[in-house]
């Protein structure tokens, strides 16, 4: 079964900010490679969304509604609903993910 992947504005903005940062810091070639990896992960969510693990920060709160796919060092946070996958957040996994998840995913 294929799922319809919907990318929230916040996740689109996350990817644009990551790419801008990488272009400045590492150059356009590295930024393009990282973007391709992120986009591949998004495309794969359409076929295999349940392969993602549950974020440990949310499991600690008893929340199992969200999953994550890791494209090192980035974490893509999403939720499956029916035949849809909703991508909410794309962020560097080295950040303070507990507060980031609370702000962006739990509070909407």
PDB file of N, CA and C in Angstrom:
ATOM      1  N   UNK A   1       0.831  -1.175   0.000  1.00  0.00           N
ATOM      2  CA  UNK A   1       0.000   0.000   0.000  1.00  0.00           C
ATOM      3  C   UNK A   1       0.885   1.250   0.000  1.00  0.00           C
ATOM      4  N   UNK A   2       0.535   2.203  -0.825  1.00  0.00           N
ATOM      5  CA  UNK A   2       1.261   3.478  -0.852  1.00  0.00           C
ATOM      6  C   UNK A   2       0.509   4.500  -0.020  1.00  0.00           C
ATOM      7  N   UNK A   3       1.266   5.308   0.673  1.00  0.00           N
ATOM      8  CA  UNK A   3       0.718   6.368   1.505  1.00  0.00           C
ATOM      9  C   UNK A   3       0.931   7.716   0.816  1.00  0.00           C
ATOM     10  N   UNK A   4       0.059   8.645   1.103  1.00  0.00           N
ATOM     11  CA  UNK A   4       0.194  10.016   0.628  1.00  0.00           C
ATOM     12  C   UNK A   4       1.011  10.777   1.671  1.00  0.00           C
ATOM     13  N   UNK A   5       2.158  11.304   1.283  1.00  0.00           N
ATOM     14  CA  UNK A   5       3.020  12.031   2.214  1.00  0.00           C
ATOM     15  C   UNK A   5       2.718  13.517   2.101  1.00  0.00           C
ATOM     16  N   UNK A   6       2.384  14.121   3.223  1.00  0.00           N
ATOM     17  CA  UNK A   6       2.117  15.549   3.281  1.00  0.00           C
ATOM     18  C   UNK A   6       3.157  16.194   4.178  1.00  0.00           C
ATOM     19  N   UNK A   7       3.827  17.192   3.642  1.00  0.00           N
ATOM     20  CA  UNK A   7       4.903  17.876   4.360  1.00  0.00           C
ATOM     21  C   UNK A   7       4.365  19.197   4.897  1.00  0.00           C
ATOM     22  N   UNK A   8       4.408  19.348   6.205  1.00  0.00           N
ATOM     23  CA  UNK A   8       3.939  20.585   6.841  1.00  0.00           C
ATOM     24  C   UNK A   8       4.863  21.742   6.475  1.00  0.00           C
ATOM     25  N   UNK A   9       4.302  22.948   6.532  1.00  0.00           N
ATOM     26  CA  UNK A   9       5.100  24.141   6.235  1.00  0.00           C
ATOM     27  C   UNK A   9       6.344  24.209   7.109  1.00  0.00           C
ATOM     28  N   UNK A  10       6.191  23.849   8.367  1.00  0.00           N
ATOM     29  CA  UNK A  10       7.343  23.886   9.277  1.00  0.00           C
ATOM     30  C   UNK A  10       8.453  22.955   8.837  1.00  0.00           C
ATOM     31  N   UNK A  11       8.103  21.770   8.344  1.00  0.00           N
ATOM     32  CA  UNK A  11       9.117  20.821   7.872  1.00  0.00           C
ATOM     33  C   UNK A  11       9.772  21.324   6.584  1.00  0.00           C
ATOM     34  N   UNK A  12       8.989  21.948   5.702  1.00  0.00           N
ATOM     35  CA  UNK A  12       9.571  22.535   4.492  1.00  0.00           C
ATOM     36  C   UNK A  12      10.557  23.635   4.862  1.00  0.00           C
ATOM     37  N   UNK A  13      10.165  24.463   5.823  1.00  0.00           N
ATOM     38  CA  UNK A  13      11.037  25.543   6.286  1.00  0.00           C
ATOM     39  C   UNK A  13      12.306  24.967   6.924  1.00  0.00           C
ATOM     40  N   UNK A  14      12.143  23.878   7.697  1.00  0.00           N
ATOM     41  CA  UNK A  14      13.307  23.225   8.305  1.00  0.00           C
ATOM     42  C   UNK A  14      14.317  22.821   7.245  1.00  0.00           C
ATOM     43  N   UNK A  15      13.837  22.169   6.182  1.00  0.00           N
ATOM     44  CA  UNK A  15      14.754  21.701   5.131  1.00  0.00           C
ATOM     45  C   UNK A  15      15.420  22.872   4.415  1.00  0.00           C
ATOM     46  N   UNK A  16      14.675  23.937   4.166  1.00  0.00           N
ATOM     47  CA  UNK A  16      15.256  25.113   3.516  1.00  0.00           C
ATOM     48  C   UNK A  16      16.342  25.742   4.391  1.00  0.00           C
ATOM     49  N   UNK A  17      16.085  25.814   5.698  1.00  0.00           N
ATOM     50  CA  UNK A  17      17.080  26.381   6.618  1.00  0.00           C
ATOM     51  C   UNK A  17      18.315  25.495   6.720  1.00  0.00           C
ATOM     52  N   UNK A  18      18.118  24.196   6.740  1.00  0.00           N
ATOM     53  CA  UNK A  18      19.250  23.267   6.784  1.00  0.00           C
ATOM     54  C   UNK A  18      20.099  23.438   5.533  1.00  0.00           C
ATOM     55  N   UNK A  19      19.449  23.535   4.389  1.00  0.00           N
ATOM     56  CA  UNK A  19      20.194  23.671   3.136  1.00  0.00           C
ATOM     57  C   UNK A  19      20.940  24.995   3.070  1.00  0.00           C
ATOM     58  N   UNK A  20      20.311  26.075   3.496  1.00  0.00           N
ATOM     59  CA  UNK A  20      20.984  27.375   3.497  1.00  0.00           C
ATOM     60  C   UNK A  20      22.212  27.342   4.399  1.00  0.00           C
ATOM     61  N   UNK A  21      22.066  26.732   5.560  1.00  0.00           N
ATOM     62  CA  UNK A  21      23.189  26.607   6.481  1.00  0.00           C
ATOM     63  C   UNK A  21      24.320  25.801   5.847  1.00  0.00           C
ATOM     64  N   UNK A  22      23.968  24.665   5.230  1.00  0.00           N
ATOM     65  CA  UNK A  22      24.990  23.810   4.626  1.00  0.00           C
ATOM     66  C   UNK A  22      25.669  24.467   3.433  1.00  0.00           C
ATOM     67  N   UNK A  23      24.926  25.204   2.633  1.00  0.00           N
ATOM     68  CA  UNK A  23      25.543  25.906   1.494  1.00  0.00           C
ATOM     69  C   UNK A  23      26.589  26.878   2.020  1.00  0.00           C
ATOM     70  N   UNK A  24      26.254  27.629   3.070  1.00  0.00           N
ATOM     71  CA  UNK A  24      27.201  28.590   3.646  1.00  0.00           C
ATOM     72  C   UNK A  24      28.398  27.910   4.283  1.00  0.00           C
ATOM     73  N   UNK A  25      28.149  26.808   4.972  1.00  0.00           N
ATOM     74  CA  UNK A  25      29.206  26.173   5.758  1.00  0.00           C
ATOM     75  C   UNK A  25      30.017  25.142   4.979  1.00  0.00           C
ATOM     76  N   UNK A  26      29.341  24.318   4.168  1.00  0.00           N
ATOM     77  CA  UNK A  26      30.004  23.202   3.500  1.00  0.00           C
ATOM     78  C   UNK A  26      30.069  23.339   1.981  1.00  0.00           C
ATOM     79  N   UNK A  27      29.243  24.227   1.431  1.00  0.00           N
ATOM     80  CA  UNK A  27      29.215  24.412  -0.008  1.00  0.00           C
ATOM     81  C   UNK A  27      28.012  23.728  -0.642  1.00  0.00           C
ATOM     82  N   UNK A  28      27.715  24.093  -1.882  1.00  0.00           N
ATOM     83  CA  UNK A  28      26.510  23.593  -2.545  1.00  0.00           C
ATOM     84  C   UNK A  28      26.521  22.092  -2.830  1.00  0.00           C
ATOM     85  N   UNK A  29      27.679  21.498  -3.049  1.00  0.00           N
ATOM     86  CA  UNK A  29      27.739  20.069  -3.359  1.00  0.00           C
ATOM     87  C   UNK A  29      27.291  19.248  -2.149  1.00  0.00           C
ATOM     88  N   UNK A  30      27.822  19.565  -0.983  1.00  0.00           N
ATOM     89  CA  UNK A  30      27.444  18.855   0.241  1.00  0.00           C
ATOM     90  C   UNK A  30      25.974  19.110   0.557  1.00  0.00           C
ATOM     91  N   UNK A  31      25.528  20.349   0.401  1.00  0.00           N
ATOM     92  CA  UNK A  31      24.127  20.679   0.669  1.00  0.00           C
ATOM     93  C   UNK A  31      23.211  19.868  -0.239  1.00  0.00           C
ATOM     94  N   UNK A  32      23.559  19.756  -1.501  1.00  0.00           N
ATOM     95  CA  UNK A  32      22.744  18.989  -2.446  1.00  0.00           C
ATOM     96  C   UNK A  32      22.722  17.505  -2.080  1.00  0.00           C
ATOM     97  N   UNK A  33      23.844  16.966  -1.653  1.00  0.00           N
ATOM     98  CA  UNK A  33      23.891  15.558  -1.246  1.00  0.00           C
ATOM     99  C   UNK A  33      22.995  15.306  -0.031  1.00  0.00           C
ATOM    100  N   UNK A  34      23.064  16.200   0.944  1.00  0.00           N
ATOM    101  CA  UNK A  34      22.224  16.051   2.137  1.00  0.00           C
ATOM    102  C   UNK A  34      20.748  16.200   1.786  1.00  0.00           C
ATOM    103  N   UNK A  35      20.436  17.148   0.909  1.00  0.00           N
ATOM    104  CA  UNK A  35      19.048  17.337   0.488  1.00  0.00           C
ATOM    105  C   UNK A  35      18.525  16.086  -0.216  1.00  0.00           C
ATOM    106  N   UNK A  36      19.334  15.489  -1.071  1.00  0.00           N
ATOM    107  CA  UNK A  36      18.927  14.255  -1.754  1.00  0.00           C
ATOM    108  C   UNK A  36      18.630  13.143  -0.749  1.00  0.00           C
ATOM    109  N   UNK A  37      19.454  13.033   0.283  1.00  0.00           N
ATOM    110  CA  UNK A  37      19.221  12.023   1.315  1.00  0.00           C
ATOM    111  C   UNK A  37      17.923  12.258   2.062  1.00  0.00           C
ATOM    112  N   UNK A  38      17.640  13.517   2.380  1.00  0.00           N
ATOM    113  CA  UNK A  38      16.393  13.843   3.070  1.00  0.00           C
ATOM    114  C   UNK A  38      15.185  13.572   2.175  1.00  0.00           C
ATOM    115  N   UNK A  39      15.276  13.972   0.913  1.00  0.00           N
ATOM    116  CA  UNK A  39      14.163  13.756  -0.012  1.00  0.00           C
ATOM    117  C   UNK A  39      13.932  12.271  -0.274  1.00  0.00           C
ATOM    118  N   UNK A  40      14.997  11.497  -0.347  1.00  0.00           N
ATOM    119  CA  UNK A  40      14.850  10.038  -0.493  1.00  0.00           C
ATOM    120  C   UNK A  40      14.091   9.455   0.698  1.00  0.00           C
ATOM    121  N   UNK A  41      14.417   9.934   1.890  1.00  0.00           N
ATOM    122  CA  UNK A  41      13.730   9.445   3.088  1.00  0.00           C
ATOM    123  C   UNK A  41      12.247   9.803   3.047  1.00  0.00           C
ATOM    124  N   UNK A  42      11.931  11.002   2.583  1.00  0.00           N
ATOM    125  CA  UNK A  42      10.528  11.419   2.471  1.00  0.00           C
ATOM    126  C   UNK A  42       9.799  10.541   1.462  1.00  0.00           C
ATOM    127  N   UNK A  43      10.419  10.271   0.321  1.00  0.00           N
ATOM    128  CA  UNK A  43       9.811   9.410  -0.693  1.00  0.00           C
ATOM    129  C   UNK A  43       9.589   8.005  -0.134  1.00  0.00           C
ATOM    130  N   UNK A  44      10.541   7.490   0.625  1.00  0.00           N
ATOM    131  CA  UNK A  44      10.407   6.150   1.205  1.00  0.00           C
ATOM    132  C   UNK A  44       9.282   6.058   2.230  1.00  0.00           C
ATOM    133  N   UNK A  45       8.916   7.182   2.830  1.00  0.00           N
ATOM    134  CA  UNK A  45       7.795   7.173   3.773  1.00  0.00           C
ATOM    135  C   UNK A  45       6.496   6.777   3.077  1.00  0.00           C
ATOM    136  N   UNK A  46       6.393   7.040   1.791  1.00  0.00           N
ATOM    137  CA  UNK A  46       5.184   6.684   1.048  1.00  0.00           C
ATOM    138  C   UNK A  46       5.002   5.171   0.955  1.00  0.00           C
ATOM    139  N   UNK A  47       6.084   4.429   1.041  1.00  0.00           N
ATOM    140  CA  UNK A  47       6.006   2.974   0.923  1.00  0.00           C
ATOM    141  C   UNK A  47       6.181   2.241   2.247  1.00  0.00           C
ATOM    142  N   UNK A  48       7.010   2.789   3.118  1.00  0.00           N
ATOM    143  CA  UNK A  48       7.360   2.065   4.342  1.00  0.00           C
ATOM    144  C   UNK A  48       7.306   2.961   5.589  1.00  0.00           C
ATOM    145  N   UNK A  49       6.192   3.596   5.862  1.00  0.00           N
ATOM    146  CA  UNK A  49       6.177   4.533   7.000  1.00  0.00           C
ATOM    147  C   UNK A  49       6.325   3.865   8.363  1.00  0.00           C
ATOM    148  N   UNK A  50       5.949   2.617   8.470  1.00  0.00           N
ATOM    149  CA  UNK A  50       6.017   1.962   9.774  1.00  0.00           C
ATOM    150  C   UNK A  50       7.418   1.469  10.119  1.00  0.00           C
ATOM    151  N   UNK A  51       8.345   1.620   9.215  1.00  0.00           N
ATOM    152  CA  UNK A  51       9.738   1.255   9.516  1.00  0.00           C
ATOM    153  C   UNK A  51      10.369   2.194  10.522  1.00  0.00           C
ATOM    154  N   UNK A  52       9.844   3.403  10.620  1.00  0.00           N
ATOM    155  CA  UNK A  52      10.424   4.379  11.537  1.00  0.00           C
ATOM    156  C   UNK A  52      10.196   3.988  12.986  1.00  0.00           C
ATOM    157  N   UNK A  53      11.110   4.399  13.823  1.00  0.00           N
ATOM    158  CA  UNK A  53      11.000   4.125  15.260  1.00  0.00           C
ATOM    159  C   UNK A  53      10.232   5.252  15.946  1.00  0.00           C
ATOM    160  N   UNK A  54       9.833   4.993  17.174  1.00  0.00           N
ATOM    161  CA  UNK A  54       9.172   6.020  17.970  1.00  0.00           C
ATOM    162  C   UNK A  54      10.246   6.861  18.653  1.00  0.00           C
ATOM    163  N   UNK A  55      10.149   8.196  18.589  1.00  0.00           N
ATOM    164  CA  UNK A  55      11.146   9.035  19.268  1.00  0.00           C
ATOM    165  C   UNK A  55      11.148   8.766  20.774  1.00  0.00           C
ATOM    166  N   UNK A  56      12.319   8.522  21.313  1.00  0.00           N
ATOM    167  CA  UNK A  56      12.436   8.167  22.737  1.00  0.00           C
ATOM    168  C   UNK A  56      11.921   9.279  23.644  1.00  0.00           C
ATOM    169  N   UNK A  57      12.047  10.527  23.198  1.00  0.00           N
ATOM    170  CA  UNK A  57      11.568  11.643  24.017  1.00  0.00           C
ATOM    171  C   UNK A  57      10.046  11.595  24.181  1.00  0.00           C
ATOM    172  N   UNK A  58       9.357  11.143  23.142  1.00  0.00           N
ATOM    173  CA  UNK A  58       7.899  11.041  23.218  1.00  0.00           C
ATOM    174  C   UNK A  58       7.466   9.758  23.924  1.00  0.00           C
ATOM    175  N   UNK A  59       8.210   8.674  23.719  1.00  0.00           N
ATOM    176  CA  UNK A  59       7.900   7.429  24.429  1.00  0.00           C
ATOM    177  C   UNK A  59       7.976   7.635  25.939  1.00  0.00           C
ATOM    178  N   UNK A  60       8.941   8.455  26.372  1.00  0.00           N
ATOM    179  CA  UNK A  60       9.085   8.735  27.806  1.00  0.00           C
ATOM    180  C   UNK A  60       7.839   9.410  28.368  1.00  0.00           C
ATOM    181  N   UNK A  61       7.066  10.071  27.506  1.00  0.00           N
ATOM    182  CA  UNK A  61       5.827  10.727  27.917  1.00  0.00           C
ATOM    183  C   UNK A  61       4.607   9.846  27.650  1.00  0.00           C
ATOM    184  N   UNK A  62       4.846   8.615  27.174  1.00  0.00           N
ATOM    185  CA  UNK A  62       3.762   7.706  26.869  1.00  0.00           C
ATOM    186  C   UNK A  62       3.085   7.980  25.533  1.00  0.00           C
ATOM    187  N   UNK A  63       3.742   8.736  24.660  1.00  0.00           N
ATOM    188  CA  UNK A  63       3.161   9.103  23.356  1.00  0.00           C
ATOM    189  C   UNK A  63       3.755   8.210  22.278  1.00  0.00           C
ATOM    190  N   UNK A  64       2.886   7.472  21.592  1.00  0.00           N
ATOM    191  CA  UNK A  64       3.323   6.552  20.546  1.00  0.00           C
ATOM    192  C   UNK A  64       2.732   6.918  19.180  1.00  0.00           C
ATOM    193  N   UNK A  65       2.199   8.125  19.060  1.00  0.00           N
ATOM    194  CA  UNK A  65       1.547   8.548  17.819  1.00  0.00           C
ATOM    195  C   UNK A  65       2.533   8.962  16.737  1.00  0.00           C
ATOM    196  N   UNK A  66       3.753   9.261  17.116  1.00  0.00           N
ATOM    197  CA  UNK A  66       4.731   9.789  16.171  1.00  0.00           C
ATOM    198  C   UNK A  66       5.861   8.798  15.950  1.00  0.00           C
ATOM    199  N   UNK A  67       6.462   8.911  14.787  1.00  0.00           N
ATOM    200  CA  UNK A  67       7.612   8.075  14.429  1.00  0.00           C
ATOM    201  C   UNK A  67       8.713   8.977  13.897  1.00  0.00           C
ATOM    202  N   UNK A  68       9.876   8.371  13.722  1.00  0.00           N
ATOM    203  CA  UNK A  68      11.005   9.120  13.177  1.00  0.00           C
ATOM    204  C   UNK A  68      11.813   8.254  12.230  1.00  0.00           C
ATOM    205  N   UNK A  69      12.395   8.923  11.268  1.00  0.00           N
ATOM    206  CA  UNK A  69      13.379   8.317  10.388  1.00  0.00           C
ATOM    207  C   UNK A  69      14.631   9.157  10.564  1.00  0.00           C
ATOM    208  N   UNK A  70      15.756   8.494  10.675  1.00  0.00           N
ATOM    209  CA  UNK A  70      17.020   9.208  10.871  1.00  0.00           C
ATOM    210  C   UNK A  70      17.834   9.152   9.587  1.00  0.00           C
ATOM    211  N   UNK A  71      18.205  10.339   9.120  1.00  0.00           N
ATOM    212  CA  UNK A  71      19.149  10.501   8.013  1.00  0.00           C
ATOM    213  C   UNK A  71      20.279  11.300   8.640  1.00  0.00           C
ATOM    214  N   UNK A  72      21.228  10.591   9.171  1.00  0.00           N
ATOM    215  CA  UNK A  72      22.250  11.142  10.047  1.00  0.00           C
ATOM    216  C   UNK A  72      22.837  12.452   9.535  1.00  0.00           C
ATOM    217  N   UNK A  73      22.840  13.515  10.315  1.00  0.00           N
ATOM    218  CA  UNK A  73      22.442  13.636  11.709  1.00  0.00           C
ATOM    219  C   UNK A  73      20.993  14.115  11.891  1.00  0.00           C
ATOM    220  N   UNK A  74      20.208  14.087  10.842  1.00  0.00           N
ATOM    221  CA  UNK A  74      18.856  14.655  10.893  1.00  0.00           C
ATOM    222  C   UNK A  74      17.808  13.630  11.305  1.00  0.00           C
ATOM    223  N   UNK A  75      16.783  14.137  11.977  1.00  0.00           N
ATOM    224  CA  UNK A  75      15.641  13.314  12.380  1.00  0.00           C
ATOM    225  C   UNK A  75      14.397  13.894  11.725  1.00  0.00           C
ATOM    226  N   UNK A  76      13.633  13.042  11.068  1.00  0.00           N
ATOM    227  CA  UNK A  76      12.381  13.435  10.437  1.00  0.00           C
ATOM    228  C   UNK A  76      11.255  12.866  11.299  1.00  0.00           C
ATOM    229  N   UNK A  77      10.431  13.732  11.850  1.00  0.00           N
ATOM    230  CA  UNK A  77       9.364  13.330  12.758  1.00  0.00           C
ATOM    231  C   UNK A  77       8.041  13.396  12.010  1.00  0.00           C
ATOM    232  N   UNK A  78       7.286  12.299  12.076  1.00  0.00           N
ATOM    233  CA  UNK A  78       6.039  12.217  11.315  1.00  0.00           C
ATOM    234  C   UNK A  78       5.003  11.392  12.066  1.00  0.00           C
ATOM    235  N   UNK A  79       3.777  11.453  11.547  1.00  0.00           N
ATOM    236  CA  UNK A  79       2.674  10.676  12.106  1.00  0.00           C
ATOM    237  C   UNK A  79       1.934  10.017  10.948  1.00  0.00           C
ATOM    238  N   UNK A  80       1.492   8.795  11.173  1.00  0.00           N
ATOM    239  CA  UNK A  80       0.711   8.060  10.180  1.00  0.00           C
ATOM    240  C   UNK A  80      -0.755   8.209  10.563  1.00  0.00           C
ATOM    241  N   UNK A  81      -1.579   8.564   9.585  1.00  0.00           N
ATOM    242  CA  UNK A  81      -3.018   8.674   9.806  1.00  0.00           C
ATOM    243  C   UNK A  81      -3.752   8.115   8.600  1.00  0.00           C
ATOM    244  N   UNK A  82      -4.322   6.938   8.765  1.00  0.00           N
ATOM    245  CA  UNK A  82      -4.983   6.297   7.625  1.00  0.00           C
ATOM    246  C   UNK A  82      -3.970   5.985   6.545  1.00  0.00           C
ATOM    247  N   UNK A  83      -4.206   6.485   5.346  1.00  0.00           N
ATOM    248  CA  UNK A  83      -3.272   6.286   4.225  1.00  0.00           C
ATOM    249  C   UNK A  83      -2.391   7.509   4.001  1.00  0.00           C
ATOM    250  N   UNK A  84      -2.253   8.322   5.051  1.00  0.00           N
ATOM    251  CA  UNK A  84      -1.460   9.549   4.957  1.00  0.00           C
ATOM    252  C   UNK A  84      -0.298   9.509   5.939  1.00  0.00           C
ATOM    253  N   UNK A  85       0.782  10.140   5.543  1.00  0.00           N
ATOM    254  CA  UNK A  85       1.927  10.363   6.418  1.00  0.00           C
ATOM    255  C   UNK A  85       2.104  11.873   6.495  1.00  0.00           C
ATOM    256  N   UNK A  86       2.124  12.396   7.705  1.00  0.00           N
ATOM    257  CA  UNK A  86       2.261  13.826   7.924  1.00  0.00           C
ATOM    258  C   UNK A  86       3.644  14.103   8.508  1.00  0.00           C
ATOM    259  N   UNK A  87       4.502  14.740   7.727  1.00  0.00           N
ATOM    260  CA  UNK A  87       5.852  15.086   8.177  1.00  0.00           C
ATOM    261  C   UNK A  87       5.795  16.442   8.866  1.00  0.00           C
ATOM    262  N   UNK A  88       6.171  16.474  10.151  1.00  0.00           N
ATOM    263  CA  UNK A  88       6.058  17.691  10.950  1.00  0.00           C
ATOM    264  C   UNK A  88       7.371  18.427  11.148  1.00  0.00           C
ATOM    265  N   UNK A  89       8.470  17.687  11.235  1.00  0.00           N
ATOM    266  CA  UNK A  89       9.705  18.293  11.710  1.00  0.00           C
ATOM    267  C   UNK A  89      10.903  17.609  11.077  1.00  0.00           C
ATOM    268  N   UNK A  90      11.873  18.412  10.657  1.00  0.00           N
ATOM    269  CA  UNK A  90      13.164  17.914  10.194  1.00  0.00           C
ATOM    270  C   UNK A  90      14.209  18.741  10.935  1.00  0.00           C
ATOM    271  N   UNK A  91      15.031  18.086  11.737  1.00  0.00           N
ATOM    272  CA  UNK A  91      15.999  18.838  12.537  1.00  0.00           C
ATOM    273  C   UNK A  91      17.239  18.005  12.809  1.00  0.00           C
ATOM    274  N   UNK A  92      18.303  18.701  13.098  1.00  0.00           N
ATOM    275  CA  UNK A  92      19.557  18.066  13.476  1.00  0.00           C
ATOM    276  C   UNK A  92      19.337  17.326  14.794  1.00  0.00           C
ATOM    277  N   UNK A  93      19.631  16.055  14.811  1.00  0.00           N
ATOM    278  CA  UNK A  93      19.415  15.229  15.992  1.00  0.00           C
ATOM    279  C   UNK A  93      20.285  15.590  17.172  1.00  0.00           C
ATOM    280  N   UNK A  94      21.258  16.445  16.984  1.00  0.00           N
ATOM    281  CA  UNK A  94      22.131  16.846  18.091  1.00  0.00           C
ATOM    282  C   UNK A  94      21.536  17.995  18.890  1.00  0.00           C
ATOM    283  N   UNK A  95      20.399  18.517  18.432  1.00  0.00           N
ATOM    284  CA  UNK A  95      19.728  19.606  19.155  1.00  0.00           C
ATOM    285  C   UNK A  95      19.015  19.070  20.392  1.00  0.00           C
ATOM    286  N   UNK A  96      18.525  19.979  21.219  1.00  0.00           N
ATOM    287  CA  UNK A  96      17.713  19.611  22.378  1.00  0.00           C
ATOM    288  C   UNK A  96      16.345  19.199  21.848  1.00  0.00           C
ATOM    289  N   UNK A  97      16.188  17.925  21.578  1.00  0.00           N
ATOM    290  CA  UNK A  97      14.991  17.437  20.917  1.00  0.00           C
ATOM    291  C   UNK A  97      13.772  17.435  21.826  1.00  0.00           C
ATOM    292  N   UNK A  98      13.964  17.290  23.103  1.00  0.00           N
ATOM    293  CA  UNK A  98      12.817  17.283  24.017  1.00  0.00           C
ATOM    294  C   UNK A  98      12.041  18.586  23.895  1.00  0.00           C
ATOM    295  N   UNK A  99      12.711  19.719  24.025  1.00  0.00           N
ATOM    296  CA  UNK A  99      12.002  21.002  23.955  1.00  0.00           C
ATOM    297  C   UNK A  99      11.537  21.300  22.537  1.00  0.00           C
ATOM    298  N   UNK A 100      12.295  20.895  21.547  1.00  0.00           N
ATOM    299  CA  UNK A 100      11.900  21.100  20.155  1.00  0.00           C
ATOM    300  C   UNK A 100      10.613  20.334  19.841  1.00  0.00           C
ATOM    301  N   UNK A 101      10.520  19.091  20.275  1.00  0.00           N
ATOM    302  CA  UNK A 101       9.311  18.294  20.059  1.00  0.00           C
ATOM    303  C   UNK A 101       8.116  18.893  20.797  1.00  0.00           C
ATOM    304  N   UNK A 102       8.345  19.362  21.998  1.00  0.00           N
ATOM    305  CA  UNK A 102       7.250  19.979  22.747  1.00  0.00           C
ATOM    306  C   UNK A 102       6.705  21.208  22.025  1.00  0.00           C
ATOM    307  N   UNK A 103       7.600  22.042  21.508  1.00  0.00           N
ATOM    308  CA  UNK A 103       7.167  23.262  20.809  1.00  0.00           C
ATOM    309  C   UNK A 103       6.506  22.979  19.469  1.00  0.00           C
ATOM    310  N   UNK A 104       7.109  22.110  18.680  1.00  0.00           N
ATOM    311  CA  UNK A 104       6.680  21.952  17.289  1.00  0.00           C
ATOM    312  C   UNK A 104       5.678  20.842  17.049  1.00  0.00           C
ATOM    313  N   UNK A 105       5.743  19.777  17.822  1.00  0.00           N
ATOM    314  CA  UNK A 105       4.888  18.622  17.535  1.00  0.00           C
ATOM    315  C   UNK A 105       3.717  18.558  18.522  1.00  0.00           C
ATOM    316  N   UNK A 106       4.001  18.678  19.791  1.00  0.00           N
ATOM    317  CA  UNK A 106       2.952  18.516  20.786  1.00  0.00           C
ATOM    318  C   UNK A 106       2.032  19.730  20.894  1.00  0.00           C
ATOM    319  N   UNK A 107       2.587  20.905  20.738  1.00  0.00           N
ATOM    320  CA  UNK A 107       1.774  22.112  20.846  1.00  0.00           C
ATOM    321  C   UNK A 107       1.206  22.553  19.511  1.00  0.00           C
ATOM    322  N   UNK A 108       1.662  21.922  18.431  1.00  0.00           N
ATOM    323  CA  UNK A 108       1.121  22.228  17.115  1.00  0.00           C
ATOM    324  C   UNK A 108       1.832  23.350  16.477  1.00  0.00           C
TER     325      UNK A 108
END
